C-alpha atoms as a PDB file:
ATOM      1  CA  MET A   1      20.696  -8.951   0.793  1.00  0.00           C
ATOM      2  CA  PHE A   2      19.180  -7.291  -2.287  1.00  0.00           C
ATOM      3  CA  LYS A   3      17.847 -10.569  -3.691  1.00  0.00           C
ATOM      4  CA  GLU A   4      16.523 -11.607  -0.285  1.00  0.00           C
ATOM      5  CA  SER A   5      14.717  -8.270   0.095  1.00  0.00           C
ATOM      6  CA  VAL A   6      13.108  -8.667  -3.334  1.00  0.00           C
ATOM      7  CA  ILE A   7      11.874 -12.201  -2.647  1.00  0.00           C
ATOM      8  CA  ASP A   8      10.654 -11.411   0.868  1.00  0.00           C
ATOM      9  CA  GLY A   9       8.914  -8.174  -0.049  1.00  0.00           C
ATOM     10  CA  LEU A  10       7.216  -9.370  -3.210  1.00  0.00           C
ATOM     11  CA  TRP A  11       6.432 -12.945  -2.188  1.00  0.00           C
ATOM     12  CA  LYS A  12       7.629 -14.770   0.932  1.00  0.00           C
ATOM     13  CA  GLN A  13       6.744 -12.026   3.431  1.00  0.00           C
ATOM     14  CA  ASN A  14       4.379  -9.939   1.342  1.00  0.00           C
ATOM     15  CA  PRO A  15       2.637  -7.530   3.751  1.00  0.00           C
ATOM     16  CA  GLY A  16      -0.752  -7.820   2.080  1.00  0.00           C
ATOM     17  CA  THR A  17      -1.113 -11.554   1.517  1.00  0.00           C
ATOM     18  CA  ILE A  18       1.349 -13.259   3.873  1.00  0.00           C
ATOM     19  CA  GLN A  19       1.773 -11.022   6.922  1.00  0.00           C
ATOM     20  CA  LEU A  20      -1.771  -9.635   6.525  1.00  0.00           C
ATOM     21  CA  LEU A  21      -0.769  -6.259   7.933  1.00  0.00           C
ATOM     22  CA  GLY A  22      -2.524  -3.011   7.085  1.00  0.00           C
ATOM     23  CA  LEU A  23      -5.803  -4.746   6.273  1.00  0.00           C
ATOM     24  CA  CYS A  24      -7.913  -1.652   6.985  1.00  0.00           C
ATOM     25  CA  PRO A  25      -6.719   0.371   3.949  1.00  0.00           C
ATOM     26  CA  THR A  26      -6.258  -2.807   1.905  1.00  0.00           C
ATOM     27  CA  LEU A  27      -9.929  -3.660   2.198  1.00  0.00           C
ATOM     28  CA  ALA A  28     -11.393  -0.148   2.287  1.00  0.00           C
ATOM     29  CA  VAL A  29      -9.541   1.749  -0.442  1.00  0.00           C
ATOM     30  CA  THR A  30      -9.145  -0.850  -3.190  1.00  0.00           C
ATOM     31  CA  THR A  31     -12.380  -0.129  -5.039  1.00  0.00           C
ATOM     32  CA  THR A  32     -10.328   0.948  -8.075  1.00  0.00           C
ATOM     33  CA  VAL A  33      -6.803   0.509  -9.398  1.00  0.00           C
ATOM     34  CA  VAL A  34      -6.104   4.243  -9.036  1.00  0.00           C
ATOM     35  CA  ASN A  35      -7.094   4.315  -5.366  1.00  0.00           C
ATOM     36  CA  GLY A  36      -5.133   1.184  -4.551  1.00  0.00           C
ATOM     37  CA  VAL A  37      -1.959   2.245  -6.342  1.00  0.00           C
ATOM     38  CA  SER A  38      -2.113   5.780  -4.937  1.00  0.00           C
ATOM     39  CA  LEU A  39      -2.325   4.631  -1.330  1.00  0.00           C
ATOM     40  CA  GLY A  40       0.228   1.895  -2.016  1.00  0.00           C
ATOM     41  CA  LEU A  41       2.748   4.370  -3.393  1.00  0.00           C
ATOM     42  CA  ALA A  42       2.171   6.754  -0.480  1.00  0.00           C
ATOM     43  CA  THR A  43       2.776   3.914   1.975  1.00  0.00           C
ATOM     44  CA  MET A  44       5.863   2.761   0.079  1.00  0.00           C
ATOM     45  CA  ILE A  45       7.397   6.253   0.143  1.00  0.00           C
ATOM     46  CA  VAL A  46       6.821   6.479   3.891  1.00  0.00           C
ATOM     47  CA  MET A  47       8.370   3.034   4.436  1.00  0.00           C
ATOM     48  CA  VAL A  48      11.454   3.795   2.358  1.00  0.00           C
ATOM     49  CA  ILE A  49      12.175   7.134   4.017  1.00  0.00           C
ATOM     50  CA  ALA A  50      11.312   5.873   7.508  1.00  0.00           C
ATOM     51  CA  ASN A  51      13.633   2.875   7.191  1.00  0.00           C
ATOM     52  CA  SER A  52      16.393   5.022   5.709  1.00  0.00           C
ATOM     53  CA  THR A  53      15.983   7.592   8.497  1.00  0.00           C
ATOM     54  CA  ILE A  54      15.824   5.220  11.450  1.00  0.00           C
ATOM     55  CA  SER A  55      18.719   3.008  10.383  1.00  0.00           C
ATOM     56  CA  PRO A  56      21.496   5.662  10.733  1.00  0.00           C
ATOM     57  CA  ILE A  57      20.318   6.680  14.227  1.00  0.00           C
ATOM     58  CA  ARG A  58      19.526   3.183  15.504  1.00  0.00           C
ATOM     59  CA  LYS A  59      22.556   3.086  17.820  1.00  0.00           C
ATOM     60  CA  ILE A  60      21.944   6.437  19.479  1.00  0.00           C
ATOM     61  CA  VAL A  61      18.202   6.099  20.121  1.00  0.00           C
ATOM     62  CA  PRO A  62      17.582   5.005  23.731  1.00  0.00           C
ATOM     63  CA  ASP A  63      15.945   1.601  23.811  1.00  0.00           C
ATOM     64  CA  LYS A  64      13.186   2.662  26.216  1.00  0.00           C
ATOM     65  CA  ILE A  65      11.855   5.411  23.954  1.00  0.00           C
ATOM     66  CA  ARG A  66      12.592   3.902  20.555  1.00  0.00           C
ATOM     67  CA  VAL A  67       8.939   3.185  19.642  1.00  0.00           C
ATOM     68  CA  PRO A  68       7.693   6.763  20.360  1.00  0.00           C
ATOM     69  CA  ILE A  69      10.598   8.130  18.313  1.00  0.00           C
ATOM     70  CA  PHE A  70       9.820   5.736  15.448  1.00  0.00           C
ATOM     71  CA  ILE A  71       6.166   6.783  15.493  1.00  0.00           C
ATOM     72  CA  LEU A  72       7.166  10.467  15.567  1.00  0.00           C
ATOM     73  CA  VAL A  73       9.342  10.023  12.470  1.00  0.00           C
ATOM     74  CA  ILE A  74       6.589   8.109  10.650  1.00  0.00           C
ATOM     75  CA  ALA A  75       3.975  10.705  11.623  1.00  0.00           C
ATOM     76  CA  ALA A  76       6.153  13.541  10.283  1.00  0.00           C
ATOM     77  CA  LEU A  77       6.608  11.751   6.951  1.00  0.00           C
ATOM     78  CA  VAL A  78       2.906  10.949   6.661  1.00  0.00           C
ATOM     79  CA  THR A  79       2.052  14.595   7.360  1.00  0.00           C
ATOM     80  CA  VAL A  80       4.290  15.682   4.479  1.00  0.00           C
ATOM     81  CA  ILE A  81       2.653  13.140   2.151  1.00  0.00           C
ATOM     82  CA  ASP A  82      -0.828  14.114   3.336  1.00  0.00           C
ATOM     83  CA  LEU A  83      -0.271  17.835   2.776  1.00  0.00           C
ATOM     84  CA  SER A  84       1.390  17.221  -0.609  1.00  0.00           C
ATOM     85  CA  ILE A  85      -1.549  15.159  -1.903  1.00  0.00           C
ATOM     86  CA  HIS A  86      -3.957  17.764  -0.546  1.00  0.00           C
ATOM     87  CA  ALA A  87      -2.063  20.518  -2.356  1.00  0.00           C
ATOM     88  CA  TYR A  88      -1.445  18.856  -5.721  1.00  0.00           C
ATOM     89  CA  ALA A  89      -4.228  16.250  -6.063  1.00  0.00           C
ATOM     90  CA  GLU A  90      -7.174  17.404  -3.969  1.00  0.00           C
ATOM     91  CA  PRO A  91      -9.747  15.088  -5.660  1.00  0.00           C
ATOM     92  CA  LEU A  92      -7.534  12.105  -4.846  1.00  0.00           C
ATOM     93  CA  TYR A  93      -7.113  13.432  -1.322  1.00  0.00           C
ATOM     94  CA  LYS A  94     -10.886  13.481  -0.896  1.00  0.00           C
ATOM     95  CA  ALA A  95     -11.234  10.000  -2.401  1.00  0.00           C
ATOM     96  CA  LEU A  96      -8.657   8.433  -0.064  1.00  0.00           C
ATOM     97  CA  GLY A  97      -9.933  10.411   2.923  1.00  0.00           C
ATOM     98  CA  ILE A  98      -8.795   9.383   6.370  1.00  0.00           C
ATOM     99  CA  PHE A  99      -6.695   6.508   5.065  1.00  0.00           C
ATOM    100  CA  ILE A 100      -3.741   8.759   4.223  1.00  0.00           C
ATOM    101  CA  PRO A 101      -3.241   9.933   7.846  1.00  0.00           C
ATOM    102  CA  LEU A 102      -3.901   6.372   8.998  1.00  0.00           C
ATOM    103  CA  ILE A 103      -0.617   5.293   7.373  1.00  0.00           C
ATOM    104  CA  VAL A 104       0.873   6.385  10.704  1.00  0.00           C
ATOM    105  CA  THR A 105      -0.912   3.481  12.405  1.00  0.00           C
ATOM    106  CA  ASN A 106      -0.334   1.008   9.583  1.00  0.00           C
ATOM    107  CA  CYS A 107       1.254  -2.004  11.279  1.00  0.00           C
ATOM    108  CA  ILE A 108       3.565  -2.799   8.375  1.00  0.00           C
ATOM    109  CA  VAL A 109       5.349   0.579   8.542  1.00  0.00           C
ATOM    110  CA  LEU A 110       6.155   0.384  12.249  1.00  0.00           C
ATOM    111  CA  ALA A 111       6.842  -3.357  12.024  1.00  0.00           C
ATOM    112  CA  ARG A 112       9.572  -2.963   9.401  1.00  0.00           C
ATOM    113  CA  VAL A 113      11.139  -0.023  11.233  1.00  0.00           C
ATOM    114  CA  GLU A 114      11.152  -1.940  14.515  1.00  0.00           C
ATOM    115  CA  SER A 115      12.127  -5.394  13.244  1.00  0.00           C
ATOM    116  CA  PHE A 116      14.533  -4.464  10.438  1.00  0.00           C
ATOM    117  CA  ALA A 117      15.668  -0.837  10.145  1.00  0.00           C
ATOM    118  CA  SER A 118      16.503  -0.556  13.846  1.00  0.00           C
ATOM    119  CA  LYS A 119      18.866  -3.546  13.520  1.00  0.00           C
ATOM    120  CA  ASN A 120      20.456  -3.160  10.069  1.00  0.00           C
ATOM    121  CA  PRO A 121      22.592  -0.681   8.050  1.00  0.00           C
ATOM    122  CA  ILE A 122      21.012   1.938   5.839  1.00  0.00           C
ATOM    123  CA  LEU A 123      21.256   0.219   2.421  1.00  0.00           C
ATOM    124  CA  PRO A 124      19.589  -3.068   3.442  1.00  0.00           C
ATOM    125  CA  SER A 125      16.975  -0.998   5.315  1.00  0.00           C
ATOM    126  CA  PHE A 126      16.316   1.003   2.157  1.00  0.00           C
ATOM    127  CA  TYR A 127      15.856  -2.193   0.152  1.00  0.00           C
ATOM    128  CA  ASP A 128      13.573  -3.640   2.811  1.00  0.00           C
ATOM    129  CA  GLY A 129      11.329  -0.573   2.918  1.00  0.00           C
ATOM    130  CA  PHE A 130      11.184  -0.315  -0.857  1.00  0.00           C
ATOM    131  CA  PHE A 131      10.336  -3.916  -1.646  1.00  0.00           C
ATOM    132  CA  MET A 132       7.970  -4.414   1.290  1.00  0.00           C
ATOM    133  CA  GLY A 133       6.172  -1.259   0.184  1.00  0.00           C
ATOM    134  CA  LEU A 134       6.218  -2.390  -3.439  1.00  0.00           C
ATOM    135  CA  GLY A 135       4.796  -5.780  -2.458  1.00  0.00           C
ATOM    136  CA  LEU A 136       1.930  -4.081  -0.638  1.00  0.00           C
ATOM    137  CA  CYS A 137       1.390  -1.685  -3.544  1.00  0.00           C
ATOM    138  CA  LEU A 138       1.115  -4.588  -6.009  1.00  0.00           C
ATOM    139  CA  VAL A 139      -1.458  -6.320  -3.809  1.00  0.00           C
ATOM    140  CA  LEU A 140      -3.496  -3.106  -3.595  1.00  0.00           C
ATOM    141  CA  ALA A 141      -3.264  -2.647  -7.374  1.00  0.00           C
ATOM    142  CA  ILE A 142      -4.316  -6.225  -8.194  1.00  0.00           C
ATOM    143  CA  LEU A 143      -7.121  -6.232  -5.641  1.00  0.00           C
ATOM    144  CA  GLY A 144      -8.298  -2.833  -6.865  1.00  0.00           C
ATOM    145  CA  GLY A 145      -8.215  -4.077 -10.457  1.00  0.00           C
ATOM    146  CA  MET A 146     -10.266  -7.163  -9.616  1.00  0.00           C
ATOM    147  CA  ARG A 147     -12.899  -5.172  -7.733  1.00  0.00           C
ATOM    148  CA  GLU A 148     -13.076  -2.413 -10.334  1.00  0.00           C
ATOM    149  CA  PHE A 149     -13.432  -4.874 -13.203  1.00  0.00           C
ATOM    150  CA  LEU A 150     -16.190  -6.859 -11.505  1.00  0.00           C
ATOM    151  CA  GLY A 151     -17.896  -3.867  -9.923  1.00  0.00           C
ATOM    152  CA  ARG A 152     -17.741  -1.387 -12.803  1.00  0.00           C
ATOM    153  CA  GLY A 153     -16.570  -3.291 -15.844  1.00  0.00           C
ATOM    154  CA  THR A 154     -13.640  -0.883 -16.226  1.00  0.00           C
ATOM    155  CA  LEU A 155      -9.961  -0.523 -15.427  1.00  0.00           C
ATOM    156  CA  PHE A 156      -7.946   2.637 -14.715  1.00  0.00           C
ATOM    157  CA  SER A 157     -11.010   4.826 -14.268  1.00  0.00           C
ATOM    158  CA  ASP A 158     -10.686   7.903 -12.043  1.00  0.00           C
ATOM    159  CA  LEU A 159      -7.294   8.846 -13.465  1.00  0.00           C
ATOM    160  CA  ASP A 160      -8.594  12.413 -13.345  1.00  0.00           C
ATOM    161  CA  LEU A 161      -8.232  12.272  -9.558  1.00  0.00           C
ATOM    162  CA  ILE A 162      -4.469  12.373 -10.126  1.00  0.00           C
ATOM    163  CA  PHE A 163      -3.931  14.032 -13.498  1.00  0.00           C
ATOM    164  CA  GLY A 164      -6.904  16.386 -13.756  1.00  0.00           C
ATOM    165  CA  GLN A 165     -10.030  16.649 -15.900  1.00  0.00           C
ATOM    166  CA  ALA A 166      -8.113  15.955 -19.111  1.00  0.00           C
ATOM    167  CA  PHE A 167      -8.057  12.289 -18.067  1.00  0.00           C
ATOM    168  CA  SER A 168     -11.698  12.083 -16.978  1.00  0.00           C
ATOM    169  CA  ASN A 169     -12.632   9.819 -19.913  1.00  0.00           C
ATOM    170  CA  VAL A 170      -9.428   7.780 -19.992  1.00  0.00           C
ATOM    171  CA  SER A 171     -10.210   4.214 -18.929  1.00  0.00           C
ATOM    172  CA  LEU A 172     -10.615   0.700 -20.265  1.00  0.00           C
ATOM    173  CA  ASN A 173     -14.295  -0.181 -20.687  1.00  0.00           C
ATOM    174  CA  PHE A 174     -14.956  -3.880 -21.213  1.00  0.00           C
ATOM    175  CA  PHE A 175     -18.756  -3.837 -21.523  1.00  0.00           C
ATOM    176  CA  ASP A 176     -21.171  -1.531 -23.352  1.00  0.00           C
ATOM    177  CA  GLN A 177     -24.006  -1.907 -20.890  1.00  0.00           C
ATOM    178  CA  TYR A 178     -22.872  -3.206 -17.528  1.00  0.00           C
ATOM    179  CA  GLU A 179     -24.811  -2.536 -14.373  1.00  0.00           C
ATOM    180  CA  GLY A 180     -21.987  -3.717 -12.159  1.00  0.00           C
ATOM    181  CA  PHE A 181     -21.580  -6.462  -9.583  1.00  0.00           C
ATOM    182  CA  LEU A 182     -22.397  -4.687  -6.328  1.00  0.00           C
ATOM    183  CA  LEU A 183     -20.710  -7.219  -4.055  1.00  0.00           C
ATOM    184  CA  ALA A 184     -17.323  -6.468  -5.648  1.00  0.00           C
ATOM    185  CA  VAL A 185     -17.317  -2.829  -4.522  1.00  0.00           C
ATOM    186  CA  LEU A 186     -18.627  -3.541  -1.019  1.00  0.00           C
ATOM    187  CA  PRO A 187     -16.401  -4.608   1.922  1.00  0.00           C
ATOM    188  CA  PRO A 188     -17.342  -8.325   1.583  1.00  0.00           C
ATOM    189  CA  GLY A 189     -16.017  -8.194  -1.985  1.00  0.00           C
ATOM    190  CA  ALA A 190     -12.674  -6.967  -0.659  1.00  0.00           C
ATOM    191  CA  PHE A 191     -12.482  -9.906   1.760  1.00  0.00           C
ATOM    192  CA  LEU A 192     -13.326 -12.379  -0.997  1.00  0.00           C
ATOM    193  CA  GLY A 193     -10.832 -10.809  -3.397  1.00  0.00           C
ATOM    194  CA  LEU A 194      -8.038 -10.903  -0.829  1.00  0.00           C
ATOM    195  CA  ALA A 195      -8.917 -14.499   0.040  1.00  0.00           C
ATOM    196  CA  PHE A 196      -8.616 -15.386  -3.656  1.00  0.00           C
ATOM    197  CA  LEU A 197      -5.158 -13.786  -3.876  1.00  0.00           C
ATOM    198  CA  ILE A 198      -3.987 -15.628  -0.754  1.00  0.00           C
ATOM    199  CA  ALA A 199      -5.335 -18.921  -2.090  1.00  0.00           C
ATOM    200  CA  LEU A 200      -3.642 -18.337  -5.445  1.00  0.00           C
ATOM    201  CA  MET A 201      -0.270 -17.630  -3.798  1.00  0.00           C
ATOM    202  CA  ASN A 202      -0.609 -20.727  -1.607  1.00  0.00           C
ATOM    203  CA  TRP A 203      -1.464 -22.827  -4.651  1.00  0.00           C
ATOM    204  CA  ILE A 204       1.592 -21.540  -6.548  1.00  0.00           C
ATOM    205  CA  ASP A 205       3.805 -22.260  -3.513  1.00  0.00           C
ATOM    206  CA  GLN A 206       2.467 -25.802  -3.306  1.00  0.00           C
ATOM    207  CA  LYS A 207       3.071 -26.347  -7.002  1.00  0.00           C
ATOM    208  CA  ASN A 208       6.660 -25.187  -6.647  1.00  0.00           C
END
């Protein structure tokens, strides 16, 4: 079960490139690596705790009201994450904006709770939430890296949003004078970047 969860989450059923769930934050937030990883980690934490919470009570939740209960649990977890980021990393909170609360409506979170955690024991559900969330986080990080590199000529800029002003100048700069590729930081650039990742994964699958 562990190996299957790893393969499914990171590759065969990757939420970002195979299932294509949660496209709104995937395309909107990934202008930098920091933004992508931050939202990816927040989503992963919600998925892990939601799966681990729903699994133990799956047999006592009435079938007719299971979806509202699942959404209530997810909403409570997202509220905790939202308030925590607001309290300890307010610049990041402002950068991510509405997309933190929108984790509640992220299809991948509810989909894994409904299709897996509500039918399996707690440990497999934990693995499923972790690796599905990690798979999405990796896609957000890679897509954010591609767009940041092409759009700004940097990587890992905006670390100060998480760690404070001491990290305001910590980044990898690849060009001395780079005006940036505007398309990369606009929504069409996100679509093209995601299409490239999907094509690359399909090509690797065909080769194997």
